[in-house]
């Protein structure tokens, strides 16, 4: 197992970046009228996941790190809600979000 020297070495951060990337690609196909609503919500909540993991990693105490991991977990729940709502209102289909949902659960 390799040594963790930086937050970028964390598998959880790498998965968070993968989720964010998938969300950006997904929302490119959303209607333009969703740009400042659902698109923005999905992109912000997905980007918040790896950002909070990175910020927590840079903190001095394990308590601070745990707090930021908790915030990232909240962003995961928020993102999952936005994805499921997008599917329910017809902005995307099950197949479009299933790989993202899987990563969120992982």
PDB file of N, CA and C in Angstrom:
ATOM      1  N   UNK A   1       0.841  -1.179   0.000  1.00  0.00           N
ATOM      2  CA  UNK A   1       0.000   0.000   0.000  1.00  0.00           C
ATOM      3  C   UNK A   1       0.886   1.242   0.000  1.00  0.00           C
ATOM      4  N   UNK A   2       0.537   2.207  -0.822  1.00  0.00           N
ATOM      5  CA  UNK A   2       1.375   3.398  -0.932  1.00  0.00           C
ATOM      6  C   UNK A   2       1.085   4.395   0.189  1.00  0.00           C
ATOM      7  N   UNK A   3       2.057   5.228   0.437  1.00  0.00           N
ATOM      8  CA  UNK A   3       1.960   6.234   1.486  1.00  0.00           C
ATOM      9  C   UNK A   3       1.105   7.406   1.008  1.00  0.00           C
ATOM     10  N   UNK A   4       0.303   7.942   1.918  1.00  0.00           N
ATOM     11  CA  UNK A   4      -0.525   9.100   1.608  1.00  0.00           C
ATOM     12  C   UNK A   4       0.264  10.348   1.960  1.00  0.00           C
ATOM     13  N   UNK A   5       0.610  11.116   0.928  1.00  0.00           N
ATOM     14  CA  UNK A   5       1.398  12.334   1.122  1.00  0.00           C
ATOM     15  C   UNK A   5       0.561  13.591   0.955  1.00  0.00           C
ATOM     16  N   UNK A   6      -0.580  13.439   0.307  1.00  0.00           N
ATOM     17  CA  UNK A   6      -1.391  14.585  -0.063  1.00  0.00           C
ATOM     18  C   UNK A   6      -2.846  14.126  -0.150  1.00  0.00           C
ATOM     19  N   UNK A   7      -3.789  15.054  -0.056  1.00  0.00           N
ATOM     20  CA  UNK A   7      -5.199  14.677  -0.153  1.00  0.00           C
ATOM     21  C   UNK A   7      -5.518  13.995  -1.477  1.00  0.00           C
ATOM     22  N   UNK A   8      -4.750  14.290  -2.522  1.00  0.00           N
ATOM     23  CA  UNK A   8      -4.993  13.671  -3.820  1.00  0.00           C
ATOM     24  C   UNK A   8      -4.695  12.174  -3.819  1.00  0.00           C
ATOM     25  N   UNK A   9      -3.975  11.701  -2.817  1.00  0.00           N
ATOM     26  CA  UNK A   9      -3.691  10.273  -2.682  1.00  0.00           C
ATOM     27  C   UNK A   9      -4.858   9.511  -2.043  1.00  0.00           C
ATOM     28  N   UNK A  10      -5.804  10.226  -1.462  1.00  0.00           N
ATOM     29  CA  UNK A  10      -6.939   9.592  -0.790  1.00  0.00           C
ATOM     30  C   UNK A  10      -7.925   9.031  -1.825  1.00  0.00           C
ATOM     31  N   UNK A  11      -8.243   7.761  -1.699  1.00  0.00           N
ATOM     32  CA  UNK A  11      -9.182   7.132  -2.632  1.00  0.00           C
ATOM     33  C   UNK A  11     -10.550   7.805  -2.554  1.00  0.00           C
ATOM     34  N   UNK A  12     -10.956   8.190  -1.364  1.00  0.00           N
ATOM     35  CA  UNK A  12     -12.256   8.842  -1.197  1.00  0.00           C
ATOM     36  C   UNK A  12     -12.298  10.181  -1.952  1.00  0.00           C
ATOM     37  N   UNK A  13     -11.192  10.909  -1.970  1.00  0.00           N
ATOM     38  CA  UNK A  13     -11.122  12.164  -2.727  1.00  0.00           C
ATOM     39  C   UNK A  13     -11.173  11.867  -4.222  1.00  0.00           C
ATOM     40  N   UNK A  14     -10.448  10.853  -4.670  1.00  0.00           N
ATOM     41  CA  UNK A  14     -10.431  10.466  -6.085  1.00  0.00           C
ATOM     42  C   UNK A  14     -11.837  10.082  -6.555  1.00  0.00           C
ATOM     43  N   UNK A  15     -12.549   9.328  -5.727  1.00  0.00           N
ATOM     44  CA  UNK A  15     -13.935   8.944  -6.065  1.00  0.00           C
ATOM     45  C   UNK A  15     -14.824  10.188  -6.115  1.00  0.00           C
ATOM     46  N   UNK A  16     -14.618  11.104  -5.191  1.00  0.00           N
ATOM     47  CA  UNK A  16     -15.374  12.350  -5.198  1.00  0.00           C
ATOM     48  C   UNK A  16     -15.162  13.143  -6.475  1.00  0.00           C
ATOM     49  N   UNK A  17     -13.932  13.166  -6.949  1.00  0.00           N
ATOM     50  CA  UNK A  17     -13.632  13.859  -8.209  1.00  0.00           C
ATOM     51  C   UNK A  17     -14.308  13.156  -9.388  1.00  0.00           C
ATOM     52  N   UNK A  18     -14.327  11.838  -9.348  1.00  0.00           N
ATOM     53  CA  UNK A  18     -14.991  11.067 -10.409  1.00  0.00           C
ATOM     54  C   UNK A  18     -16.492  11.371 -10.422  1.00  0.00           C
ATOM     55  N   UNK A  19     -17.093  11.433  -9.249  1.00  0.00           N
ATOM     56  CA  UNK A  19     -18.514  11.766  -9.144  1.00  0.00           C
ATOM     57  C   UNK A  19     -18.779  13.152  -9.732  1.00  0.00           C
ATOM     58  N   UNK A  20     -17.950  14.110  -9.362  1.00  0.00           N
ATOM     59  CA  UNK A  20     -18.122  15.480  -9.856  1.00  0.00           C
ATOM     60  C   UNK A  20     -17.998  15.539 -11.367  1.00  0.00           C
ATOM     61  N   UNK A  21     -17.003  14.864 -11.901  1.00  0.00           N
ATOM     62  CA  UNK A  21     -16.817  14.831 -13.355  1.00  0.00           C
ATOM     63  C   UNK A  21     -18.043  14.247 -14.050  1.00  0.00           C
ATOM     64  N   UNK A  22     -18.561  13.143 -13.531  1.00  0.00           N
ATOM     65  CA  UNK A  22     -19.745  12.512 -14.121  1.00  0.00           C
ATOM     66  C   UNK A  22     -20.954  13.456 -14.055  1.00  0.00           C
ATOM     67  N   UNK A  23     -21.063  14.195 -12.960  1.00  0.00           N
ATOM     68  CA  UNK A  23     -22.177  15.129 -12.816  1.00  0.00           C
ATOM     69  C   UNK A  23     -22.088  16.278 -13.815  1.00  0.00           C
ATOM     70  N   UNK A  24     -20.892  16.751 -14.056  1.00  0.00           N
ATOM     71  CA  UNK A  24     -20.722  17.819 -15.047  1.00  0.00           C
ATOM     72  C   UNK A  24     -21.113  17.323 -16.437  1.00  0.00           C
ATOM     73  N   UNK A  25     -20.693  16.122 -16.783  1.00  0.00           N
ATOM     74  CA  UNK A  25     -21.070  15.560 -18.086  1.00  0.00           C
ATOM     75  C   UNK A  25     -22.571  15.327 -18.178  1.00  0.00           C
ATOM     76  N   UNK A  26     -23.168  14.822 -17.105  1.00  0.00           N
ATOM     77  CA  UNK A  26     -24.609  14.576 -17.095  1.00  0.00           C
ATOM     78  C   UNK A  26     -25.387  15.863 -17.328  1.00  0.00           C
ATOM     79  N   UNK A  27     -25.034  16.917 -16.620  1.00  0.00           N
ATOM     80  CA  UNK A  27     -25.813  18.152 -16.677  1.00  0.00           C
ATOM     81  C   UNK A  27     -25.610  18.943 -17.969  1.00  0.00           C
ATOM     82  N   UNK A  28     -24.606  18.581 -18.754  1.00  0.00           N
ATOM     83  CA  UNK A  28     -24.430  19.238 -20.061  1.00  0.00           C
ATOM     84  C   UNK A  28     -25.635  19.002 -20.966  1.00  0.00           C
ATOM     85  N   UNK A  29     -26.331  17.886 -20.750  1.00  0.00           N
ATOM     86  CA  UNK A  29     -27.471  17.558 -21.599  1.00  0.00           C
ATOM     87  C   UNK A  29     -28.793  18.101 -21.055  1.00  0.00           C
ATOM     88  N   UNK A  30     -28.776  18.750 -19.887  1.00  0.00           N
ATOM     89  CA  UNK A  30     -30.000  19.300 -19.314  1.00  0.00           C
ATOM     90  C   UNK A  30     -30.421  20.526 -20.128  1.00  0.00           C
ATOM     91  N   UNK A  31     -31.711  20.831 -20.144  1.00  0.00           N
ATOM     92  CA  UNK A  31     -32.185  22.021 -20.874  1.00  0.00           C
ATOM     93  C   UNK A  31     -31.549  23.307 -20.337  1.00  0.00           C
ATOM     94  N   UNK A  32     -31.389  24.267 -21.213  1.00  0.00           N
ATOM     95  CA  UNK A  32     -30.758  25.543 -20.839  1.00  0.00           C
ATOM     96  C   UNK A  32     -31.503  26.249 -19.710  1.00  0.00           C
ATOM     97  N   UNK A  33     -32.825  26.090 -19.637  1.00  0.00           N
ATOM     98  CA  UNK A  33     -33.572  26.762 -18.569  1.00  0.00           C
ATOM     99  C   UNK A  33     -33.254  26.195 -17.179  1.00  0.00           C
ATOM    100  N   UNK A  34     -32.568  25.072 -17.129  1.00  0.00           N
ATOM    101  CA  UNK A  34     -32.150  24.481 -15.855  1.00  0.00           C
ATOM    102  C   UNK A  34     -30.748  24.922 -15.443  1.00  0.00           C
ATOM    103  N   UNK A  35     -30.084  25.738 -16.259  1.00  0.00           N
ATOM    104  CA  UNK A  35     -28.700  26.130 -15.996  1.00  0.00           C
ATOM    105  C   UNK A  35     -28.521  26.752 -14.614  1.00  0.00           C
ATOM    106  N   UNK A  36     -29.438  27.607 -14.205  1.00  0.00           N
ATOM    107  CA  UNK A  36     -29.291  28.296 -12.921  1.00  0.00           C
ATOM    108  C   UNK A  36     -30.149  27.674 -11.824  1.00  0.00           C
ATOM    109  N   UNK A  37     -30.629  26.489 -12.082  1.00  0.00           N
ATOM    110  CA  UNK A  37     -31.387  25.796 -11.039  1.00  0.00           C
ATOM    111  C   UNK A  37     -30.792  24.407 -10.816  1.00  0.00           C
ATOM    112  N   UNK A  38     -31.332  23.385 -11.449  1.00  0.00           N
ATOM    113  CA  UNK A  38     -30.878  22.026 -11.161  1.00  0.00           C
ATOM    114  C   UNK A  38     -29.427  21.790 -11.572  1.00  0.00           C
ATOM    115  N   UNK A  39     -28.999  22.328 -12.686  1.00  0.00           N
ATOM    116  CA  UNK A  39     -27.601  22.162 -13.117  1.00  0.00           C
ATOM    117  C   UNK A  39     -26.661  22.723 -12.057  1.00  0.00           C
ATOM    118  N   UNK A  40     -26.946  23.919 -11.614  1.00  0.00           N
ATOM    119  CA  UNK A  40     -26.102  24.569 -10.602  1.00  0.00           C
ATOM    120  C   UNK A  40     -26.128  23.790  -9.286  1.00  0.00           C
ATOM    121  N   UNK A  41     -27.295  23.312  -8.876  1.00  0.00           N
ATOM    122  CA  UNK A  41     -27.407  22.555  -7.632  1.00  0.00           C
ATOM    123  C   UNK A  41     -26.591  21.263  -7.680  1.00  0.00           C
ATOM    124  N   UNK A  42     -26.697  20.540  -8.792  1.00  0.00           N
ATOM    125  CA  UNK A  42     -25.967  19.279  -8.935  1.00  0.00           C
ATOM    126  C   UNK A  42     -24.463  19.530  -8.980  1.00  0.00           C
ATOM    127  N   UNK A  43     -24.051  20.507  -9.728  1.00  0.00           N
ATOM    128  CA  UNK A  43     -22.616  20.788  -9.838  1.00  0.00           C
ATOM    129  C   UNK A  43     -22.025  21.264  -8.516  1.00  0.00           C
ATOM    130  N   UNK A  44     -22.732  22.143  -7.821  1.00  0.00           N
ATOM    131  CA  UNK A  44     -22.202  22.653  -6.548  1.00  0.00           C
ATOM    132  C   UNK A  44     -22.142  21.565  -5.482  1.00  0.00           C
ATOM    133  N   UNK A  45     -23.194  20.761  -5.377  1.00  0.00           N
ATOM    134  CA  UNK A  45     -23.180  19.717  -4.343  1.00  0.00           C
ATOM    135  C   UNK A  45     -22.172  18.627  -4.662  1.00  0.00           C
ATOM    136  N   UNK A  46     -21.980  18.316  -5.951  1.00  0.00           N
ATOM    137  CA  UNK A  46     -20.981  17.294  -6.297  1.00  0.00           C
ATOM    138  C   UNK A  46     -19.565  17.809  -6.048  1.00  0.00           C
ATOM    139  N   UNK A  47     -19.294  19.051  -6.408  1.00  0.00           N
ATOM    140  CA  UNK A  47     -17.955  19.622  -6.206  1.00  0.00           C
ATOM    141  C   UNK A  47     -17.640  19.790  -4.721  1.00  0.00           C
ATOM    142  N   UNK A  48     -18.671  19.947  -3.907  1.00  0.00           N
ATOM    143  CA  UNK A  48     -18.490  20.107  -2.474  1.00  0.00           C
ATOM    144  C   UNK A  48     -17.939  18.839  -1.818  1.00  0.00           C
ATOM    145  N   UNK A  49     -18.206  17.684  -2.412  1.00  0.00           N
ATOM    146  CA  UNK A  49     -17.756  16.419  -1.815  1.00  0.00           C
ATOM    147  C   UNK A  49     -16.229  16.348  -1.759  1.00  0.00           C
ATOM    148  N   UNK A  50     -15.521  16.378  -2.892  1.00  0.00           N
ATOM    149  CA  UNK A  50     -14.059  16.305  -2.805  1.00  0.00           C
ATOM    150  C   UNK A  50     -13.439  17.551  -2.176  1.00  0.00           C
ATOM    151  N   UNK A  51     -14.097  18.706  -2.332  1.00  0.00           N
ATOM    152  CA  UNK A  51     -13.556  19.930  -1.740  1.00  0.00           C
ATOM    153  C   UNK A  51     -13.525  19.838  -0.214  1.00  0.00           C
ATOM    154  N   UNK A  52     -14.576  19.319   0.388  1.00  0.00           N
ATOM    155  CA  UNK A  52     -14.604  19.186   1.850  1.00  0.00           C
ATOM    156  C   UNK A  52     -13.662  18.100   2.341  1.00  0.00           C
ATOM    157  N   UNK A  53     -13.503  17.052   1.559  1.00  0.00           N
ATOM    158  CA  UNK A  53     -12.535  16.013   1.921  1.00  0.00           C
ATOM    159  C   UNK A  53     -11.123  16.618   1.929  1.00  0.00           C
ATOM    160  N   UNK A  54     -10.802  17.383   0.901  1.00  0.00           N
ATOM    161  CA  UNK A  54      -9.483  18.015   0.811  1.00  0.00           C
ATOM    162  C   UNK A  54      -9.279  19.025   1.936  1.00  0.00           C
ATOM    163  N   UNK A  55     -10.304  19.840   2.186  1.00  0.00           N
ATOM    164  CA  UNK A  55     -10.174  20.850   3.246  1.00  0.00           C
ATOM    165  C   UNK A  55      -9.998  20.189   4.609  1.00  0.00           C
ATOM    166  N   UNK A  56     -10.763  19.159   4.880  1.00  0.00           N
ATOM    167  CA  UNK A  56     -10.642  18.451   6.147  1.00  0.00           C
ATOM    168  C   UNK A  56      -9.289  17.801   6.318  1.00  0.00           C
ATOM    169  N   UNK A  57      -8.763  17.251   5.230  1.00  0.00           N
ATOM    170  CA  UNK A  57      -7.443  16.620   5.283  1.00  0.00           C
ATOM    171  C   UNK A  57      -6.368  17.633   5.689  1.00  0.00           C
ATOM    172  N   UNK A  58      -6.547  18.867   5.276  1.00  0.00           N
ATOM    173  CA  UNK A  58      -5.571  19.913   5.574  1.00  0.00           C
ATOM    174  C   UNK A  58      -5.684  20.504   6.965  1.00  0.00           C
ATOM    175  N   UNK A  59      -6.689  20.096   7.713  1.00  0.00           N
ATOM    176  CA  UNK A  59      -6.858  20.621   9.072  1.00  0.00           C
ATOM    177  C   UNK A  59      -5.900  19.941  10.040  1.00  0.00           C
ATOM    178  N   UNK A  60      -5.694  20.576  11.166  1.00  0.00           N
ATOM    179  CA  UNK A  60      -4.685  20.111  12.124  1.00  0.00           C
ATOM    180  C   UNK A  60      -5.159  18.978  13.035  1.00  0.00           C
ATOM    181  N   UNK A  61      -6.441  18.811  13.190  1.00  0.00           N
ATOM    182  CA  UNK A  61      -6.900  17.794  14.138  1.00  0.00           C
ATOM    183  C   UNK A  61      -7.812  16.777  13.463  1.00  0.00           C
ATOM    184  N   UNK A  62      -7.852  15.593  14.031  1.00  0.00           N
ATOM    185  CA  UNK A  62      -8.725  14.556  13.486  1.00  0.00           C
ATOM    186  C   UNK A  62     -10.190  14.929  13.690  1.00  0.00           C
ATOM    187  N   UNK A  63     -10.485  15.703  14.727  1.00  0.00           N
ATOM    188  CA  UNK A  63     -11.847  16.177  14.942  1.00  0.00           C
ATOM    189  C   UNK A  63     -12.318  17.088  13.826  1.00  0.00           C
ATOM    190  N   UNK A  64     -11.437  17.997  13.398  1.00  0.00           N
ATOM    191  CA  UNK A  64     -11.767  18.877  12.272  1.00  0.00           C
ATOM    192  C   UNK A  64     -11.956  18.059  10.996  1.00  0.00           C
ATOM    193  N   UNK A  65     -11.062  17.093  10.789  1.00  0.00           N
ATOM    194  CA  UNK A  65     -11.157  16.245   9.600  1.00  0.00           C
ATOM    195  C   UNK A  65     -12.492  15.503   9.596  1.00  0.00           C
ATOM    196  N   UNK A  66     -12.868  14.956  10.731  1.00  0.00           N
ATOM    197  CA  UNK A  66     -14.140  14.227  10.837  1.00  0.00           C
ATOM    198  C   UNK A  66     -15.322  15.153  10.557  1.00  0.00           C
ATOM    199  N   UNK A  67     -15.242  16.392  11.021  1.00  0.00           N
ATOM    200  CA  UNK A  67     -16.314  17.360  10.775  1.00  0.00           C
ATOM    201  C   UNK A  67     -16.472  17.619   9.284  1.00  0.00           C
ATOM    202  N   UNK A  68     -15.356  17.780   8.576  1.00  0.00           N
ATOM    203  CA  UNK A  68     -15.425  18.022   7.136  1.00  0.00           C
ATOM    204  C   UNK A  68     -15.888  16.779   6.370  1.00  0.00           C
ATOM    205  N   UNK A  69     -15.547  15.603   6.867  1.00  0.00           N
ATOM    206  CA  UNK A  69     -16.066  14.378   6.248  1.00  0.00           C
ATOM    207  C   UNK A  69     -17.577  14.296   6.446  1.00  0.00           C
ATOM    208  N   UNK A  70     -18.058  14.757   7.592  1.00  0.00           N
ATOM    209  CA  UNK A  70     -19.498  14.831   7.842  1.00  0.00           C
ATOM    210  C   UNK A  70     -20.185  15.784   6.872  1.00  0.00           C
ATOM    211  N   UNK A  71     -19.553  16.917   6.624  1.00  0.00           N
ATOM    212  CA  UNK A  71     -20.098  17.884   5.664  1.00  0.00           C
ATOM    213  C   UNK A  71     -20.139  17.257   4.272  1.00  0.00           C
ATOM    214  N   UNK A  72     -19.083  16.533   3.897  1.00  0.00           N
ATOM    215  CA  UNK A  72     -19.054  15.848   2.596  1.00  0.00           C
ATOM    216  C   UNK A  72     -20.190  14.831   2.516  1.00  0.00           C
ATOM    217  N   UNK A  73     -20.463  14.130   3.616  1.00  0.00           N
ATOM    218  CA  UNK A  73     -21.575  13.167   3.633  1.00  0.00           C
ATOM    219  C   UNK A  73     -22.908  13.877   3.411  1.00  0.00           C
ATOM    220  N   UNK A  74     -23.065  15.049   3.993  1.00  0.00           N
ATOM    221  CA  UNK A  74     -24.274  15.840   3.753  1.00  0.00           C
ATOM    222  C   UNK A  74     -24.405  16.218   2.291  1.00  0.00           C
ATOM    223  N   UNK A  75     -23.289  16.567   1.654  1.00  0.00           N
ATOM    224  CA  UNK A  75     -23.304  16.904   0.227  1.00  0.00           C
ATOM    225  C   UNK A  75     -23.656  15.687  -0.617  1.00  0.00           C
ATOM    226  N   UNK A  76     -23.231  14.517  -0.182  1.00  0.00           N
ATOM    227  CA  UNK A  76     -23.592  13.281  -0.884  1.00  0.00           C
ATOM    228  C   UNK A  76     -25.107  13.095  -0.861  1.00  0.00           C
ATOM    229  N   UNK A  77     -25.715  13.294   0.312  1.00  0.00           N
ATOM    230  CA  UNK A  77     -27.167  13.156   0.426  1.00  0.00           C
ATOM    231  C   UNK A  77     -27.899  14.206  -0.406  1.00  0.00           C
ATOM    232  N   UNK A  78     -27.372  15.426  -0.387  1.00  0.00           N
ATOM    233  CA  UNK A  78     -27.962  16.503  -1.191  1.00  0.00           C
ATOM    234  C   UNK A  78     -27.890  16.164  -2.674  1.00  0.00           C
ATOM    235  N   UNK A  79     -26.724  15.724  -3.125  1.00  0.00           N
ATOM    236  CA  UNK A  79     -26.549  15.389  -4.533  1.00  0.00           C
ATOM    237  C   UNK A  79     -27.469  14.243  -4.944  1.00  0.00           C
ATOM    238  N   UNK A  80     -27.540  13.216  -4.128  1.00  0.00           N
ATOM    239  CA  UNK A  80     -28.407  12.072  -4.450  1.00  0.00           C
ATOM    240  C   UNK A  80     -29.854  12.536  -4.607  1.00  0.00           C
ATOM    241  N   UNK A  81     -30.288  13.440  -3.737  1.00  0.00           N
ATOM    242  CA  UNK A  81     -31.644  13.986  -3.830  1.00  0.00           C
ATOM    243  C   UNK A  81     -31.847  14.726  -5.142  1.00  0.00           C
ATOM    244  N   UNK A  82     -30.907  15.572  -5.529  1.00  0.00           N
ATOM    245  CA  UNK A  82     -31.020  16.323  -6.787  1.00  0.00           C
ATOM    246  C   UNK A  82     -31.044  15.377  -7.992  1.00  0.00           C
ATOM    247  N   UNK A  83     -30.217  14.336  -7.959  1.00  0.00           N
ATOM    248  CA  UNK A  83     -30.191  13.379  -9.071  1.00  0.00           C
ATOM    249  C   UNK A  83     -31.511  12.631  -9.177  1.00  0.00           C
ATOM    250  N   UNK A  84     -32.021  12.165  -8.049  1.00  0.00           N
ATOM    251  CA  UNK A  84     -33.293  11.431  -8.063  1.00  0.00           C
ATOM    252  C   UNK A  84     -34.444  12.335  -8.501  1.00  0.00           C
ATOM    253  N   UNK A  85     -34.446  13.583  -8.060  1.00  0.00           N
ATOM    254  CA  UNK A  85     -35.473  14.523  -8.485  1.00  0.00           C
ATOM    255  C   UNK A  85     -35.362  14.792  -9.987  1.00  0.00           C
ATOM    256  N   UNK A  86     -34.149  14.951 -10.478  1.00  0.00           N
ATOM    257  CA  UNK A  86     -33.949  15.170 -11.922  1.00  0.00           C
ATOM    258  C   UNK A  86     -34.512  14.017 -12.734  1.00  0.00           C
ATOM    259  N   UNK A  87     -34.308  12.817 -12.232  1.00  0.00           N
ATOM    260  CA  UNK A  87     -34.848  11.638 -12.912  1.00  0.00           C
ATOM    261  C   UNK A  87     -36.376  11.645 -12.836  1.00  0.00           C
ATOM    262  N   UNK A  88     -36.906  11.987 -11.681  1.00  0.00           N
ATOM    263  CA  UNK A  88     -38.369  11.967 -11.497  1.00  0.00           C
ATOM    264  C   UNK A  88     -39.093  12.981 -12.361  1.00  0.00           C
ATOM    265  N   UNK A  89     -38.468  14.124 -12.615  1.00  0.00           N
ATOM    266  CA  UNK A  89     -39.135  15.161 -13.426  1.00  0.00           C
ATOM    267  C   UNK A  89     -38.748  15.092 -14.899  1.00  0.00           C
ATOM    268  N   UNK A  90     -37.995  14.057 -15.273  1.00  0.00           N
ATOM    269  CA  UNK A  90     -37.716  13.827 -16.686  1.00  0.00           C
ATOM    270  C   UNK A  90     -36.506  14.531 -17.260  1.00  0.00           C
ATOM    271  N   UNK A  91     -35.630  15.057 -16.419  1.00  0.00           N
ATOM    272  CA  UNK A  91     -34.423  15.700 -16.933  1.00  0.00           C
ATOM    273  C   UNK A  91     -33.373  14.667 -17.348  1.00  0.00           C
ATOM    274  N   UNK A  92     -33.471  13.469 -16.774  1.00  0.00           N
ATOM    275  CA  UNK A  92     -32.563  12.386 -17.111  1.00  0.00           C
ATOM    276  C   UNK A  92     -33.270  11.062 -16.813  1.00  0.00           C
ATOM    277  N   UNK A  93     -32.640   9.987 -17.192  1.00  0.00           N
ATOM    278  CA  UNK A  93     -33.224   8.665 -16.970  1.00  0.00           C
ATOM    279  C   UNK A  93     -32.422   7.907 -15.920  1.00  0.00           C
ATOM    280  N   UNK A  94     -33.005   6.820 -15.425  1.00  0.00           N
ATOM    281  CA  UNK A  94     -32.321   5.960 -14.447  1.00  0.00           C
ATOM    282  C   UNK A  94     -30.918   5.607 -14.900  1.00  0.00           C
ATOM    283  N   UNK A  95     -30.798   5.199 -16.150  1.00  0.00           N
ATOM    284  CA  UNK A  95     -29.502   4.754 -16.675  1.00  0.00           C
ATOM    285  C   UNK A  95     -28.465   5.879 -16.659  1.00  0.00           C
ATOM    286  N   UNK A  96     -28.930   7.117 -16.706  1.00  0.00           N
ATOM    287  CA  UNK A  96     -28.012   8.263 -16.713  1.00  0.00           C
ATOM    288  C   UNK A  96     -27.382   8.517 -15.346  1.00  0.00           C
ATOM    289  N   UNK A  97     -28.083   8.140 -14.282  1.00  0.00           N
ATOM    290  CA  UNK A  97     -27.595   8.451 -12.944  1.00  0.00           C
ATOM    291  C   UNK A  97     -27.144   7.223 -12.153  1.00  0.00           C
ATOM    292  N   UNK A  98     -27.385   6.032 -12.674  1.00  0.00           N
ATOM    293  CA  UNK A  98     -27.106   4.832 -11.873  1.00  0.00           C
ATOM    294  C   UNK A  98     -25.635   4.689 -11.492  1.00  0.00           C
ATOM    295  N   UNK A  99     -24.716   5.036 -12.384  1.00  0.00           N
ATOM    296  CA  UNK A  99     -23.289   4.910 -12.034  1.00  0.00           C
ATOM    297  C   UNK A  99     -22.890   5.942 -10.980  1.00  0.00           C
ATOM    298  N   UNK A 100     -23.502   7.119 -11.017  1.00  0.00           N
ATOM    299  CA  UNK A 100     -23.216   8.143 -10.014  1.00  0.00           C
ATOM    300  C   UNK A 100     -23.776   7.711  -8.665  1.00  0.00           C
ATOM    301  N   UNK A 101     -24.994   7.222  -8.655  1.00  0.00           N
ATOM    302  CA  UNK A 101     -25.631   6.753  -7.424  1.00  0.00           C
ATOM    303  C   UNK A 101     -24.798   5.627  -6.811  1.00  0.00           C
ATOM    304  N   UNK A 102     -24.311   4.732  -7.649  1.00  0.00           N
ATOM    305  CA  UNK A 102     -23.469   3.635  -7.153  1.00  0.00           C
ATOM    306  C   UNK A 102     -22.219   4.172  -6.450  1.00  0.00           C
ATOM    307  N   UNK A 103     -21.544   5.154  -7.082  1.00  0.00           N
ATOM    308  CA  UNK A 103     -20.354   5.748  -6.481  1.00  0.00           C
ATOM    309  C   UNK A 103     -20.689   6.464  -5.168  1.00  0.00           C
ATOM    310  N   UNK A 104     -21.843   7.101  -5.118  1.00  0.00           N
ATOM    311  CA  UNK A 104     -22.251   7.795  -3.887  1.00  0.00           C
ATOM    312  C   UNK A 104     -22.466   6.794  -2.747  1.00  0.00           C
ATOM    313  N   UNK A 105     -23.015   5.654  -3.066  1.00  0.00           N
ATOM    314  CA  UNK A 105     -23.251   4.629  -2.048  1.00  0.00           C
ATOM    315  C   UNK A 105     -21.958   3.938  -1.632  1.00  0.00           C
ATOM    316  N   UNK A 106     -21.033   3.872  -2.558  1.00  0.00           N
ATOM    317  CA  UNK A 106     -19.745   3.218  -2.278  1.00  0.00           C
ATOM    318  C   UNK A 106     -18.965   4.009  -1.242  1.00  0.00           C
TER     319      UNK A 106
END
